[in-house]
Structure formats: structure tokens, C-alpha cells
Amino acid sequence: ETPEVTSRLLHEFAAEGLVNIVGGCCGTTPEHI
């Protein structure tokens, strides 16, 4: 996943009202964050 893909998916979680803290695990970089 590129930063664009990961961020789009986490945006969907946020828009759905699911999250308060988001970030990245394996494979993510400062560009992803």
C-alpha cells in the first residue's frame, strides 16, 4: 500500500466515526503518516 491507499482507508474509518487515534504499523513510513 502506498500512502494514498492507506490514508484513504483510514479516512473512511474516521468518516464512519470509528476512531480517535490512527497511525501505521508494518510497512508504513513518515510519508504514510
PDB file of all heavy atoms in Angstrom:
ATOM      1  N   GLU A   1       0.807  -1.212   0.000  1.00  0.00           N
ATOM      2  CA  GLU A   1       0.000   0.000   0.000  1.00  0.00           C
ATOM      3  C   GLU A   1       0.843   1.266   0.000  1.00  0.00           C
ATOM      4  O   GLU A   1       1.762   1.423   0.811  1.00  0.00           O
ATOM      5  CB  GLU A   1      -0.941   0.020   1.206  1.00  0.00           C
ATOM      6  CG  GLU A   1      -2.158  -0.855   1.035  1.00  0.00           C
ATOM      7  CD  GLU A   1      -3.111  -0.742   2.214  1.00  0.00           C
ATOM      8  OE1 GLU A   1      -2.877   0.071   3.122  1.00  0.00           O
ATOM      9  OE2 GLU A   1      -4.097  -1.503   2.216  1.00  0.00           O
ATOM     10  N   THR A   2       0.487   2.162  -0.887  1.00  0.00           N
ATOM     11  CA  THR A   2       1.108   3.484  -0.923  1.00  0.00           C
ATOM     12  C   THR A   2       0.478   4.359   0.156  1.00  0.00           C
ATOM     13  O   THR A   2      -0.591   4.042   0.695  1.00  0.00           O
ATOM     14  CB  THR A   2       0.878   4.142  -2.288  1.00  0.00           C
ATOM     15  OG1 THR A   2      -0.549   4.335  -2.455  1.00  0.00           O
ATOM     16  CG2 THR A   2       1.423   3.287  -3.423  1.00  0.00           C
ATOM     17  N   PRO A   3       1.107   5.482   0.480  1.00  0.00           N
ATOM     18  CA  PRO A   3       0.488   6.406   1.434  1.00  0.00           C
ATOM     19  C   PRO A   3      -0.930   6.812   1.032  1.00  0.00           C
ATOM     20  O   PRO A   3      -1.809   6.948   1.901  1.00  0.00           O
ATOM     21  CB  PRO A   3       1.437   7.603   1.421  1.00  0.00           C
ATOM     22  CG  PRO A   3       2.774   7.004   1.095  1.00  0.00           C
ATOM     23  CD  PRO A   3       2.477   5.910   0.120  1.00  0.00           C
ATOM     24  N   GLU A   4      -1.179   6.976  -0.263  1.00  0.00           N
ATOM     25  CA  GLU A   4      -2.505   7.377  -0.733  1.00  0.00           C
ATOM     26  C   GLU A   4      -3.561   6.322  -0.412  1.00  0.00           C
ATOM     27  O   GLU A   4      -4.683   6.649   0.002  1.00  0.00           O
ATOM     28  CB  GLU A   4      -2.464   7.641  -2.238  1.00  0.00           C
ATOM     29  CG  GLU A   4      -1.653   8.854  -2.653  1.00  0.00           C
ATOM     30  CD  GLU A   4      -0.147   8.672  -2.485  1.00  0.00           C
ATOM     31  OE1 GLU A   4       0.342   7.516  -2.563  1.00  0.00           O
ATOM     32  OE2 GLU A   4       0.555   9.695  -2.251  1.00  0.00           O
ATOM     33  N   VAL A   5      -3.197   5.063  -0.573  1.00  0.00           N
ATOM     34  CA  VAL A   5      -4.163   3.980  -0.329  1.00  0.00           C
ATOM     35  C   VAL A   5      -4.455   3.842   1.170  1.00  0.00           C
ATOM     36  O   VAL A   5      -5.618   3.807   1.597  1.00  0.00           O
ATOM     37  CB  VAL A   5      -3.641   2.650  -0.899  1.00  0.00           C
ATOM     38  CG1 VAL A   5      -4.568   1.501  -0.502  1.00  0.00           C
ATOM     39  CG2 VAL A   5      -3.511   2.731  -2.414  1.00  0.00           C
ATOM     40  N   THR A   6      -3.403   3.765   1.969  1.00  0.00           N
ATOM     41  CA  THR A   6      -3.593   3.600   3.415  1.00  0.00           C
ATOM     42  C   THR A   6      -4.366   4.780   4.003  1.00  0.00           C
ATOM     43  O   THR A   6      -5.277   4.600   4.816  1.00  0.00           O
ATOM     44  CB  THR A   6      -2.238   3.458   4.127  1.00  0.00           C
ATOM     45  OG1 THR A   6      -1.516   2.367   3.552  1.00  0.00           O
ATOM     46  CG2 THR A   6      -2.428   3.189   5.611  1.00  0.00           C
ATOM     47  N   SER A   7      -4.013   5.990   3.587  1.00  0.00           N
ATOM     48  CA  SER A   7      -4.696   7.175   4.128  1.00  0.00           C
ATOM     49  C   SER A   7      -6.161   7.223   3.705  1.00  0.00           C
ATOM     50  O   SER A   7      -7.024   7.651   4.479  1.00  0.00           O
ATOM     51  CB  SER A   7      -3.970   8.447   3.711  1.00  0.00           C
ATOM     52  OG  SER A   7      -3.964   8.603   2.307  1.00  0.00           O
ATOM     53  N   ARG A   8      -6.456   6.781   2.485  1.00  0.00           N
ATOM     54  CA  ARG A   8      -7.855   6.765   2.042  1.00  0.00           C
ATOM     55  C   ARG A   8      -8.681   5.812   2.905  1.00  0.00           C
ATOM     56  O   ARG A   8      -9.808   6.133   3.315  1.00  0.00           O
ATOM     57  CB  ARG A   8      -7.942   6.353   0.575  1.00  0.00           C
ATOM     58  CG  ARG A   8      -9.383   6.172   0.080  1.00  0.00           C
ATOM     59  CD  ARG A   8      -9.443   5.816  -1.392  1.00  0.00           C
ATOM     60  NE  ARG A   8      -8.659   4.642  -1.743  1.00  0.00           N
ATOM     61  CZ  ARG A   8      -9.058   3.385  -1.508  1.00  0.00           C
ATOM     62  NH1 ARG A   8     -10.227   3.147  -0.918  1.00  0.00           N
ATOM     63  NH2 ARG A   8      -8.300   2.376  -1.876  1.00  0.00           N
ATOM     64  N   LEU A   9      -8.129   4.643   3.207  1.00  0.00           N
ATOM     65  CA  LEU A   9      -8.853   3.668   4.012  1.00  0.00           C
ATOM     66  C   LEU A   9      -9.073   4.176   5.441  1.00  0.00           C
ATOM     67  O   LEU A   9     -10.161   4.023   6.007  1.00  0.00           O
ATOM     68  CB  LEU A   9      -8.092   2.344   4.025  1.00  0.00           C
ATOM     69  CG  LEU A   9      -8.051   1.611   2.682  1.00  0.00           C
ATOM     70  CD1 LEU A   9      -7.016   0.492   2.708  1.00  0.00           C
ATOM     71  CD2 LEU A   9      -9.425   1.039   2.337  1.00  0.00           C
ATOM     72  N   LEU A  10      -8.052   4.793   6.023  1.00  0.00           N
ATOM     73  CA  LEU A  10      -8.211   5.310   7.377  1.00  0.00           C
ATOM     74  C   LEU A  10      -9.148   6.519   7.402  1.00  0.00           C
ATOM     75  O   LEU A  10      -9.860   6.745   8.388  1.00  0.00           O
ATOM     76  CB  LEU A  10      -6.846   5.659   7.975  1.00  0.00           C
ATOM     77  CG  LEU A  10      -6.044   4.425   8.400  1.00  0.00           C
ATOM     78  CD1 LEU A  10      -4.636   4.793   8.828  1.00  0.00           C
ATOM     79  CD2 LEU A  10      -6.739   3.678   9.532  1.00  0.00           C
ATOM     80  N   HIS A  11      -9.180   7.282   6.311  1.00  0.00           N
ATOM     81  CA  HIS A  11     -10.157   8.359   6.221  1.00  0.00           C
ATOM     82  C   HIS A  11     -11.576   7.797   6.265  1.00  0.00           C
ATOM     83  O   HIS A  11     -12.473   8.383   6.898  1.00  0.00           O
ATOM     84  CB  HIS A  11      -9.967   9.168   4.934  1.00  0.00           C
ATOM     85  CG  HIS A  11     -11.054  10.162   4.706  1.00  0.00           C
ATOM     86  ND1 HIS A  11     -12.126   9.914   3.862  1.00  0.00           N
ATOM     87  CD2 HIS A  11     -11.274  11.391   5.252  1.00  0.00           C
ATOM     88  CE1 HIS A  11     -12.939  10.947   3.889  1.00  0.00           C
ATOM     89  NE2 HIS A  11     -12.450  11.857   4.711  1.00  0.00           N
ATOM     90  N   GLU A  12     -11.781   6.664   5.620  1.00  0.00           N
ATOM     91  CA  GLU A  12     -13.111   6.038   5.648  1.00  0.00           C
ATOM     92  C   GLU A  12     -13.490   5.641   7.072  1.00  0.00           C
ATOM     93  O   GLU A  12     -14.646   5.802   7.484  1.00  0.00           O
ATOM     94  CB  GLU A  12     -13.126   4.821   4.722  1.00  0.00           C
ATOM     95  CG  GLU A  12     -13.024   5.174   3.241  1.00  0.00           C
ATOM     96  CD  GLU A  12     -12.920   3.944   2.350  1.00  0.00           C
ATOM     97  OE1 GLU A  12     -13.025   2.817   2.878  1.00  0.00           O
ATOM     98  OE2 GLU A  12     -12.721   4.116   1.135  1.00  0.00           O
ATOM     99  N   PHE A  13     -12.523   5.130   7.845  1.00  0.00           N
ATOM    100  CA  PHE A  13     -12.803   4.779   9.237  1.00  0.00           C
ATOM    101  C   PHE A  13     -13.194   6.032  10.027  1.00  0.00           C
ATOM    102  O   PHE A  13     -14.111   6.001  10.852  1.00  0.00           O
ATOM    103  CB  PHE A  13     -11.576   4.152   9.895  1.00  0.00           C
ATOM    104  CG  PHE A  13     -11.184   2.801   9.349  1.00  0.00           C
ATOM    105  CD1 PHE A  13     -10.024   2.190   9.784  1.00  0.00           C
ATOM    106  CD2 PHE A  13     -11.962   2.140   8.420  1.00  0.00           C
ATOM    107  CE1 PHE A  13      -9.652   0.951   9.306  1.00  0.00           C
ATOM    108  CE2 PHE A  13     -11.594   0.896   7.927  1.00  0.00           C
ATOM    109  CZ  PHE A  13     -10.430   0.297   8.379  1.00  0.00           C
ATOM    110  N   ALA A  14     -12.459   7.113   9.792  1.00  0.00           N
ATOM    111  CA  ALA A  14     -12.738   8.358  10.508  1.00  0.00           C
ATOM    112  C   ALA A  14     -14.105   8.914  10.127  1.00  0.00           C
ATOM    113  O   ALA A  14     -14.879   9.353  10.987  1.00  0.00           O
ATOM    114  CB  ALA A  14     -11.645   9.382  10.212  1.00  0.00           C
ATOM    115  N   ALA A  15     -14.414   8.895   8.834  1.00  0.00           N
ATOM    116  CA  ALA A  15     -15.695   9.421   8.367  1.00  0.00           C
ATOM    117  C   ALA A  15     -16.866   8.602   8.907  1.00  0.00           C
ATOM    118  O   ALA A  15     -17.970   9.122   9.090  1.00  0.00           O
ATOM    119  CB  ALA A  15     -15.716   9.431   6.837  1.00  0.00           C
ATOM    120  N   GLU A  16     -16.620   7.331   9.190  1.00  0.00           N
ATOM    121  CA  GLU A  16     -17.642   6.451   9.742  1.00  0.00           C
ATOM    122  C   GLU A  16     -17.791   6.630  11.249  1.00  0.00           C
ATOM    123  O   GLU A  16     -18.670   6.028  11.868  1.00  0.00           O
ATOM    124  CB  GLU A  16     -17.290   4.996   9.406  1.00  0.00           C
ATOM    125  CG  GLU A  16     -18.410   4.000   9.592  1.00  0.00           C
ATOM    126  CD  GLU A  16     -18.026   2.599   9.153  1.00  0.00           C
ATOM    127  OE1 GLU A  16     -17.179   2.459   8.245  1.00  0.00           O
ATOM    128  OE2 GLU A  16     -18.574   1.634   9.719  1.00  0.00           O
ATOM    129  N   GLY A  17     -16.910   7.421  11.857  1.00  0.00           N
ATOM    130  CA  GLY A  17     -16.981   7.660  13.291  1.00  0.00           C
ATOM    131  C   GLY A  17     -16.470   6.522  14.134  1.00  0.00           C
ATOM    132  O   GLY A  17     -16.960   6.284  15.241  1.00  0.00           O
ATOM    133  N   LEU A  18     -15.434   5.819  13.632  1.00  0.00           N
ATOM    134  CA  LEU A  18     -14.940   4.630  14.321  1.00  0.00           C
ATOM    135  C   LEU A  18     -13.716   4.882  15.185  1.00  0.00           C
ATOM    136  O   LEU A  18     -13.399   4.059  16.046  1.00  0.00           O
ATOM    137  CB  LEU A  18     -14.585   3.535  13.299  1.00  0.00           C
ATOM    138  CG  LEU A  18     -15.724   2.949  12.471  1.00  0.00           C
ATOM    139  CD1 LEU A  18     -15.171   1.965  11.451  1.00  0.00           C
ATOM    140  CD2 LEU A  18     -16.733   2.250  13.389  1.00  0.00           C
ATOM    141  N   VAL A  19     -12.972   5.967  14.950  1.00  0.00           N
ATOM    142  CA  VAL A  19     -11.625   6.065  15.521  1.00  0.00           C
ATOM    143  C   VAL A  19     -11.357   7.400  16.222  1.00  0.00           C
ATOM    144  O   VAL A  19     -11.958   8.429  15.913  1.00  0.00           O
ATOM    145  CB  VAL A  19     -10.552   5.856  14.432  1.00  0.00           C
ATOM    146  CG1 VAL A  19     -10.535   4.413  13.949  1.00  0.00           C
ATOM    147  CG2 VAL A  19     -10.750   6.817  13.262  1.00  0.00           C
ATOM    148  N   ASN A  20     -10.395   7.320  17.156  1.00  0.00           N
ATOM    149  CA  ASN A  20      -9.873   8.507  17.838  1.00  0.00           C
ATOM    150  C   ASN A  20      -8.369   8.661  17.661  1.00  0.00           C
ATOM    151  O   ASN A  20      -7.834   9.759  17.799  1.00  0.00           O
ATOM    152  CB  ASN A  20     -10.180   8.442  19.337  1.00  0.00           C
ATOM    153  CG  ASN A  20     -11.653   8.316  19.623  1.00  0.00           C
ATOM    154  OD1 ASN A  20     -12.147   7.217  19.855  1.00  0.00           O
ATOM    155  ND2 ASN A  20     -12.362   9.426  19.596  1.00  0.00           N
ATOM    156  N   ILE A  21      -7.676   7.551  17.400  1.00  0.00           N
ATOM    157  CA  ILE A  21      -6.229   7.551  17.182  1.00  0.00           C
ATOM    158  C   ILE A  21      -5.955   6.698  15.960  1.00  0.00           C
ATOM    159  O   ILE A  21      -6.438   5.559  15.873  1.00  0.00           O
ATOM    160  CB  ILE A  21      -5.468   6.963  18.384  1.00  0.00           C
ATOM    161  CG1 ILE A  21      -5.795   7.715  19.680  1.00  0.00           C
ATOM    162  CG2 ILE A  21      -3.957   6.976  18.131  1.00  0.00           C
ATOM    163  CD1 ILE A  21      -5.264   7.021  20.939  1.00  0.00           C
ATOM    164  N   VAL A  22      -5.193   7.220  14.999  1.00  0.00           N
ATOM    165  CA  VAL A  22      -4.821   6.436  13.818  1.00  0.00           C
ATOM    166  C   VAL A  22      -3.330   6.592  13.558  1.00  0.00           C
ATOM    167  O   VAL A  22      -2.716   7.598  13.909  1.00  0.00           O
ATOM    168  CB  VAL A  22      -5.618   6.860  12.561  1.00  0.00           C
ATOM    169  CG1 VAL A  22      -7.082   6.505  12.704  1.00  0.00           C
ATOM    170  CG2 VAL A  22      -5.457   8.345  12.269  1.00  0.00           C
ATOM    171  N   GLY A  23      -2.766   5.579  12.935  1.00  0.00           N
ATOM    172  CA  GLY A  23      -1.350   5.587  12.581  1.00  0.00           C
ATOM    173  C   GLY A  23      -1.058   4.402  11.696  1.00  0.00           C
ATOM    174  O   GLY A  23      -1.959   3.872  11.038  1.00  0.00           O
ATOM    175  N   GLY A  24       0.192   3.970  11.700  1.00  0.00           N
ATOM    176  CA  GLY A  24       0.567   2.874  10.812  1.00  0.00           C
ATOM    177  C   GLY A  24       1.419   1.847  11.519  1.00  0.00           C
ATOM    178  O   GLY A  24       2.145   2.156  12.472  1.00  0.00           O
ATOM    179  N   CYS A  25       1.341   0.606  11.036  1.00  0.00           N
ATOM    180  CA  CYS A  25       2.177  -0.471  11.562  1.00  0.00           C
ATOM    181  C   CYS A  25       3.123  -0.904  10.437  1.00  0.00           C
ATOM    182  O   CYS A  25       3.622  -0.062   9.694  1.00  0.00           O
ATOM    183  CB  CYS A  25       1.302  -1.600  12.096  1.00  0.00           C
ATOM    184  SG  CYS A  25       2.130  -2.646  13.317  1.00  0.00           S
ATOM    185  N   CYS A  26       3.364  -2.182  10.281  1.00  0.00           N
ATOM    186  CA  CYS A  26       4.391  -2.676   9.363  1.00  0.00           C
ATOM    187  C   CYS A  26       4.223  -2.127   7.943  1.00  0.00           C
ATOM    188  O   CYS A  26       3.116  -2.102   7.403  1.00  0.00           O
ATOM    189  CB  CYS A  26       4.356  -4.199   9.306  1.00  0.00           C
ATOM    190  SG  CYS A  26       4.510  -4.998  10.908  1.00  0.00           S
ATOM    191  N   GLY A  27       5.326  -1.678   7.374  1.00  0.00           N
ATOM    192  CA  GLY A  27       5.308  -1.176   6.006  1.00  0.00           C
ATOM    193  C   GLY A  27       4.977   0.292   5.881  1.00  0.00           C
ATOM    194  O   GLY A  27       5.055   0.846   4.780  1.00  0.00           O
ATOM    195  N   THR A  28       4.618   0.949   6.978  1.00  0.00           N
ATOM    196  CA  THR A  28       4.293   2.370   6.897  1.00  0.00           C
ATOM    197  C   THR A  28       5.514   3.224   7.222  1.00  0.00           C
ATOM    198  O   THR A  28       6.412   2.812   7.959  1.00  0.00           O
ATOM    199  CB  THR A  28       3.132   2.748   7.830  1.00  0.00           C
ATOM    200  OG1 THR A  28       3.477   2.425   9.180  1.00  0.00           O
ATOM    201  CG2 THR A  28       1.863   2.012   7.430  1.00  0.00           C
ATOM    202  N   THR A  29       5.536   4.428   6.672  1.00  0.00           N
ATOM    203  CA  THR A  29       6.672   5.330   6.729  1.00  0.00           C
ATOM    204  C   THR A  29       6.184   6.731   7.110  1.00  0.00           C
ATOM    205  O   THR A  29       4.964   6.956   7.195  1.00  0.00           O
ATOM    206  CB  THR A  29       7.332   5.395   5.345  1.00  0.00           C
ATOM    207  OG1 THR A  29       6.384   5.998   4.429  1.00  0.00           O
ATOM    208  CG2 THR A  29       7.716   4.008   4.831  1.00  0.00           C
ATOM    209  N   PRO A  30       7.084   7.695   7.288  1.00  0.00           N
ATOM    210  CA  PRO A  30       6.613   9.067   7.517  1.00  0.00           C
ATOM    211  C   PRO A  30       5.710   9.584   6.399  1.00  0.00           C
ATOM    212  O   PRO A  30       4.798  10.388   6.662  1.00  0.00           O
ATOM    213  CB  PRO A  30       7.922   9.865   7.603  1.00  0.00           C
ATOM    214  CG  PRO A  30       8.904   8.886   8.168  1.00  0.00           C
ATOM    215  CD  PRO A  30       8.546   7.579   7.517  1.00  0.00           C
ATOM    216  N   GLU A  31       5.931   9.125   5.173  1.00  0.00           N
ATOM    217  CA  GLU A  31       5.057   9.538   4.070  1.00  0.00           C
ATOM    218  C   GLU A  31       3.631   9.034   4.297  1.00  0.00           C
ATOM    219  O   GLU A  31       2.662   9.756   4.017  1.00  0.00           O
ATOM    220  CB  GLU A  31       5.606   9.022   2.746  1.00  0.00           C
ATOM    221  CG  GLU A  31       6.917   9.669   2.305  1.00  0.00           C
ATOM    222  CD  GLU A  31       8.145   9.152   3.033  1.00  0.00           C
ATOM    223  OE1 GLU A  31       8.074   8.066   3.657  1.00  0.00           O
ATOM    224  OE2 GLU A  31       9.196   9.846   3.007  1.00  0.00           O
ATOM    225  N   HIS A  32       3.498   7.813   4.804  1.00  0.00           N
ATOM    226  CA  HIS A  32       2.174   7.289   5.136  1.00  0.00           C
ATOM    227  C   HIS A  32       1.530   8.117   6.247  1.00  0.00           C
ATOM    228  O   HIS A  32       0.342   8.463   6.181  1.00  0.00           O
ATOM    229  CB  HIS A  32       2.262   5.832   5.593  1.00  0.00           C
ATOM    230  CG  HIS A  32       2.534   4.849   4.503  1.00  0.00           C
ATOM    231  ND1 HIS A  32       3.790   4.642   3.986  1.00  0.00           N
ATOM    232  CD2 HIS A  32       1.711   4.001   3.820  1.00  0.00           C
ATOM    233  CE1 HIS A  32       3.730   3.714   3.044  1.00  0.00           C
ATOM    234  NE2 HIS A  32       2.473   3.315   2.927  1.00  0.00           N
ATOM    235  N   ILE A  33       2.312   8.427   7.275  1.00  0.00           N
ATOM    236  CA  ILE A  33       1.761   9.152   8.425  1.00  0.00           C
ATOM    237  C   ILE A  33       1.323  10.557   8.028  1.00  0.00           C
ATOM    238  O   ILE A  33       0.272  11.048   8.453  1.00  0.00           O
ATOM    239  CB  ILE A  33       2.784   9.189   9.573  1.00  0.00           C
ATOM    240  CG1 ILE A  33       3.075   7.762  10.056  1.00  0.00           C
ATOM    241  CG2 ILE A  33       2.290  10.056  10.720  1.00  0.00           C
ATOM    242  CD1 ILE A  33       1.858   6.921  10.389  1.00  0.00           C
TER     243      ILE A  33
END
